[in-house]
N, C-alpha and C. Protein backbone atom coordinates (compact mmCIF):
# COMPACT_ATOMS: atom_id res chain seq x y z
N UNK A 1 21.63 0.49 14.42
CA UNK A 1 20.32 0.63 14.65
C UNK A 1 19.79 2.03 14.10
N UNK A 2 20.65 2.96 14.08
CA UNK A 2 20.06 4.30 13.73
C UNK A 2 20.08 4.43 12.21
N UNK A 3 20.63 3.53 11.47
CA UNK A 3 20.53 3.55 10.11
C UNK A 3 18.99 3.06 9.72
N UNK A 4 18.65 1.98 10.53
CA UNK A 4 17.35 1.48 10.39
C UNK A 4 16.24 2.48 10.53
N UNK A 5 16.28 3.15 11.49
CA UNK A 5 15.41 4.25 11.98
C UNK A 5 15.39 5.19 10.84
N UNK A 6 16.62 5.68 10.52
CA UNK A 6 16.64 6.58 9.43
C UNK A 6 15.84 6.25 8.10
N UNK A 7 15.95 4.89 7.85
CA UNK A 7 15.54 4.29 6.80
C UNK A 7 13.84 4.32 6.89
N UNK A 8 13.46 3.87 8.02
CA UNK A 8 11.85 3.96 8.37
C UNK A 8 11.31 5.22 8.03
N UNK A 9 12.14 6.35 8.50
CA UNK A 9 11.52 7.63 8.34
C UNK A 9 11.55 8.04 6.91
N UNK A 10 12.60 7.65 6.34
CA UNK A 10 12.66 8.02 4.90
C UNK A 10 11.56 7.49 4.10
N UNK A 11 11.25 6.18 4.35
CA UNK A 11 10.16 5.50 3.65
C UNK A 11 8.86 5.98 3.91
N UNK A 12 8.74 6.10 5.27
CA UNK A 12 7.31 6.82 5.56
C UNK A 12 7.06 8.11 5.29
N UNK A 13 8.11 8.99 4.95
CA UNK A 13 7.91 10.46 4.37
C UNK A 13 7.71 10.29 2.85
N UNK A 14 8.44 9.23 2.21
CA UNK A 14 8.02 9.05 0.79
C UNK A 14 6.82 8.42 0.49
N UNK A 15 6.26 7.69 1.50
CA UNK A 15 4.84 7.09 1.31
C UNK A 15 3.79 8.27 1.51
N UNK A 16 3.93 8.98 2.48
CA UNK A 16 3.06 10.17 2.73
C UNK A 16 3.07 11.04 1.55
N UNK A 17 4.22 11.18 0.93
CA UNK A 17 4.11 12.08 -0.36
C UNK A 17 3.49 11.49 -1.58
N UNK A 18 3.61 10.25 -1.73
CA UNK A 18 2.94 9.47 -2.61
C UNK A 18 1.29 9.33 -2.21
N UNK A 19 1.07 9.31 -0.96
CA UNK A 19 -0.33 9.45 -0.68
C UNK A 19 -1.07 10.71 -1.13
N UNK A 20 -0.12 11.93 -0.79
CA UNK A 20 -0.56 13.10 -1.02
C UNK A 20 -0.87 13.24 -2.68
N UNK A 21 0.18 12.72 -3.48
CA UNK A 21 -0.15 12.84 -4.86
C UNK A 21 -1.40 12.06 -5.36
N UNK A 22 -1.58 10.89 -4.52
CA UNK A 22 -2.73 10.07 -4.86
C UNK A 22 -4.20 10.80 -4.65
N UNK A 23 -4.11 11.50 -3.48
CA UNK A 23 -5.23 12.36 -3.14
C UNK A 23 -5.33 13.34 -4.34
N UNK A 24 -4.41 14.11 -4.54
CA UNK A 24 -4.46 14.94 -5.82
C UNK A 24 -4.89 14.40 -6.81
N UNK A 25 -4.34 13.24 -7.39
CA UNK A 25 -5.08 12.53 -8.70
C UNK A 25 -6.37 12.35 -8.59
N UNK A 26 -6.84 11.77 -7.31
CA UNK A 26 -8.22 11.47 -7.26
C UNK A 26 -9.22 12.82 -7.32
N UNK A 27 -8.79 13.90 -6.65
CA UNK A 27 -9.51 14.98 -6.64
C UNK A 27 -9.40 15.50 -8.09
N UNK A 28 -8.31 15.53 -8.78
CA UNK A 28 -8.31 15.99 -10.11
C UNK A 28 -9.26 15.16 -11.12
N UNK A 29 -9.33 13.98 -10.86
CA UNK A 29 -10.10 12.98 -11.61
C UNK A 29 -11.60 13.41 -11.62
N UNK A 30 -11.96 13.52 -10.22
CA UNK A 30 -13.26 14.01 -9.84
C UNK A 30 -13.74 15.27 -10.35
N UNK A 31 -12.84 16.34 -10.39
CA UNK A 31 -13.27 17.63 -10.84
C UNK A 31 -13.29 17.72 -12.55
N UNK A 32 -12.55 16.80 -13.08
CA UNK A 32 -12.50 16.64 -14.42
C UNK A 32 -13.71 15.93 -15.16
N UNK A 33 -14.42 15.19 -14.28
CA UNK A 33 -15.19 14.16 -14.89
C UNK A 33 -16.56 14.84 -15.04
N UNK A 34 -17.39 14.49 -16.27
CA UNK A 34 -18.70 15.13 -16.40
C UNK A 34 -19.69 14.54 -15.29
N UNK A 35 -20.53 15.46 -15.07
CA UNK A 35 -21.59 14.97 -13.96
C UNK A 35 -22.36 13.91 -14.64
N UNK A 36 -22.56 12.83 -13.69
CA UNK A 36 -23.56 11.82 -14.15
C UNK A 36 -25.00 12.08 -14.04
N UNK A 37 -25.73 11.00 -14.46
CA UNK A 37 -27.39 11.24 -14.09
C UNK A 37 -27.52 11.01 -12.58
N UNK A 38 -28.31 11.88 -11.99
CA UNK A 38 -28.69 11.72 -10.58
C UNK A 38 -29.54 10.36 -10.23
N UNK A 39 -29.46 9.60 -9.42
CA UNK A 39 -30.37 8.66 -9.07
C UNK A 39 -31.78 9.29 -8.37
N UNK A 40 -32.83 8.60 -8.83
CA UNK A 40 -33.95 9.11 -8.36
C UNK A 40 -34.31 8.93 -6.76
N UNK A 41 -33.62 7.99 -6.30
CA UNK A 41 -33.48 7.74 -4.85
C UNK A 41 -32.17 8.45 -4.31
N UNK A 42 -32.26 9.53 -3.55
CA UNK A 42 -30.96 10.14 -3.14
C UNK A 42 -30.07 9.28 -2.37
N UNK A 43 -30.76 8.19 -1.46
CA UNK A 43 -29.91 7.55 -0.61
C UNK A 43 -29.02 6.55 -1.44
N UNK A 44 -29.54 6.21 -2.66
CA UNK A 44 -28.87 5.38 -3.54
C UNK A 44 -27.89 5.78 -4.21
N UNK A 45 -27.65 7.09 -4.19
CA UNK A 45 -26.46 7.94 -4.70
C UNK A 45 -25.28 7.66 -4.03
N UNK A 46 -25.29 7.47 -2.85
CA UNK A 46 -24.00 7.26 -1.96
C UNK A 46 -23.41 5.88 -2.35
N UNK A 47 -24.19 4.99 -3.03
CA UNK A 47 -23.32 3.71 -3.40
C UNK A 47 -22.75 3.86 -4.80
N UNK A 48 -23.16 4.81 -5.56
CA UNK A 48 -22.39 4.82 -6.81
C UNK A 48 -21.04 5.18 -6.92
N UNK A 49 -20.20 4.76 -7.67
CA UNK A 49 -18.88 5.03 -7.65
C UNK A 49 -18.54 6.44 -8.42
N UNK A 50 -17.75 7.26 -7.61
CA UNK A 50 -17.37 8.47 -8.16
C UNK A 50 -16.06 8.37 -8.90
N UNK A 51 -15.66 9.14 -9.99
CA UNK A 51 -14.36 9.14 -10.52
C UNK A 51 -13.27 9.55 -9.54
N UNK A 52 -12.24 8.84 -9.63
CA UNK A 52 -11.33 9.25 -8.62
C UNK A 52 -11.25 8.54 -7.25
N UNK A 53 -12.36 7.76 -7.01
CA UNK A 53 -12.49 7.04 -5.65
C UNK A 53 -11.26 6.13 -5.58
N UNK A 54 -10.94 5.37 -6.50
CA UNK A 54 -9.92 4.49 -6.30
C UNK A 54 -8.62 5.10 -5.73
N UNK A 55 -8.27 6.24 -6.46
CA UNK A 55 -7.01 7.02 -6.11
C UNK A 55 -7.06 7.46 -4.61
N UNK A 56 -8.24 8.02 -4.13
CA UNK A 56 -8.29 8.44 -2.92
C UNK A 56 -8.22 7.14 -1.94
N UNK A 57 -8.86 6.20 -2.35
CA UNK A 57 -8.80 5.06 -1.33
C UNK A 57 -7.30 4.50 -1.28
N UNK A 58 -6.51 4.36 -2.39
CA UNK A 58 -5.18 4.11 -2.35
C UNK A 58 -4.39 5.04 -1.59
N UNK A 59 -4.72 6.36 -1.66
CA UNK A 59 -4.00 7.16 -0.97
C UNK A 59 -3.97 7.04 0.66
N UNK A 60 -5.32 6.78 0.97
CA UNK A 60 -5.68 6.45 2.25
C UNK A 60 -4.75 5.23 2.99
N UNK A 61 -4.87 4.33 2.07
CA UNK A 61 -3.97 3.12 2.47
C UNK A 61 -2.61 3.48 2.67
N UNK A 62 -1.81 4.27 1.77
CA UNK A 62 -0.52 4.57 1.78
C UNK A 62 -0.45 5.39 3.12
N UNK A 63 -1.21 6.24 3.39
CA UNK A 63 -1.23 7.20 4.46
C UNK A 63 -1.22 6.30 5.82
N UNK A 64 -1.84 5.37 5.95
CA UNK A 64 -2.09 4.40 7.10
C UNK A 64 -0.76 3.72 7.17
N UNK A 65 -0.16 3.18 6.03
CA UNK A 65 1.15 2.60 6.02
C UNK A 65 2.28 3.39 6.60
N UNK A 66 2.31 4.66 6.08
CA UNK A 66 3.40 5.75 6.39
C UNK A 66 3.14 5.84 8.13
N UNK A 67 1.90 6.07 8.37
CA UNK A 67 1.61 6.30 9.96
C UNK A 67 2.33 5.16 10.88
N UNK A 68 1.96 3.76 10.15
CA UNK A 68 2.47 2.70 11.05
C UNK A 68 3.87 2.54 10.99
N UNK A 69 4.74 2.99 9.95
CA UNK A 69 6.10 2.97 9.86
C UNK A 69 6.78 4.05 10.68
N UNK A 70 6.04 5.16 10.72
CA UNK A 70 6.72 6.33 11.59
C UNK A 70 6.58 5.94 13.05
N UNK A 71 5.44 5.34 13.28
CA UNK A 71 5.16 4.69 14.80
C UNK A 71 6.27 3.53 15.07
N UNK A 72 6.59 2.69 14.26
CA UNK A 72 7.53 1.61 14.56
C UNK A 72 8.88 2.47 14.68
N UNK A 73 9.12 3.46 13.93
CA UNK A 73 10.44 4.11 13.97
C UNK A 73 10.62 4.87 15.38
N UNK A 74 9.63 5.44 15.76
CA UNK A 74 9.53 6.06 17.14
C UNK A 74 9.89 5.08 18.22
N UNK A 75 9.11 3.80 18.09
CA UNK A 75 9.16 2.80 19.12
C UNK A 75 10.73 2.52 19.21
N UNK A 76 11.18 2.14 18.17
CA UNK A 76 12.91 1.92 17.95
C UNK A 76 13.70 2.99 18.64
N UNK A 77 13.28 4.12 18.29
CA UNK A 77 13.99 5.28 18.82
C UNK A 77 13.95 5.40 20.32
N UNK A 78 12.78 5.03 20.94
CA UNK A 78 12.50 5.13 22.44
C UNK A 78 13.28 4.07 23.08
N UNK A 79 13.16 2.85 22.39
CA UNK A 79 13.93 1.65 23.04
C UNK A 79 15.46 1.94 22.83
N UNK A 80 15.98 2.50 21.74
CA UNK A 80 17.45 2.81 21.76
C UNK A 80 17.86 3.74 22.79
N UNK A 81 16.99 4.77 22.92
CA UNK A 81 17.38 5.66 23.94
C UNK A 81 17.48 5.14 25.37
N UNK A 82 16.72 4.06 25.69
CA UNK A 82 16.68 3.59 26.99
C UNK A 82 17.79 2.54 27.08
N UNK A 83 18.40 2.17 25.92
CA UNK A 83 19.45 1.28 26.03
C UNK A 83 18.87 -0.26 26.02
N UNK A 84 17.71 -0.58 25.46
CA UNK A 84 17.24 -1.69 25.49
C UNK A 84 17.43 -2.38 24.16
N UNK A 85 17.63 -1.54 23.17
CA UNK A 85 17.91 -2.12 21.72
C UNK A 85 19.38 -2.47 21.50
């Protein structure tokens, strides 16, 4: 059981690192992009796609999966400590 917990922690750490890399790539793409034309209506500007939004969205998804895996690992760890596993 301890091997499974170690694998879950390892996978969640690697997913968190990939999420950080994805956030970095999204921010880098946004910084390097040329500014586009501003819409006449400022409220319409919030619906236009910014460069790098896809990378940031993907990074957020990876971070959610990493948090879910670490929570599963903690649940397994506490059950093992109680002798239920």
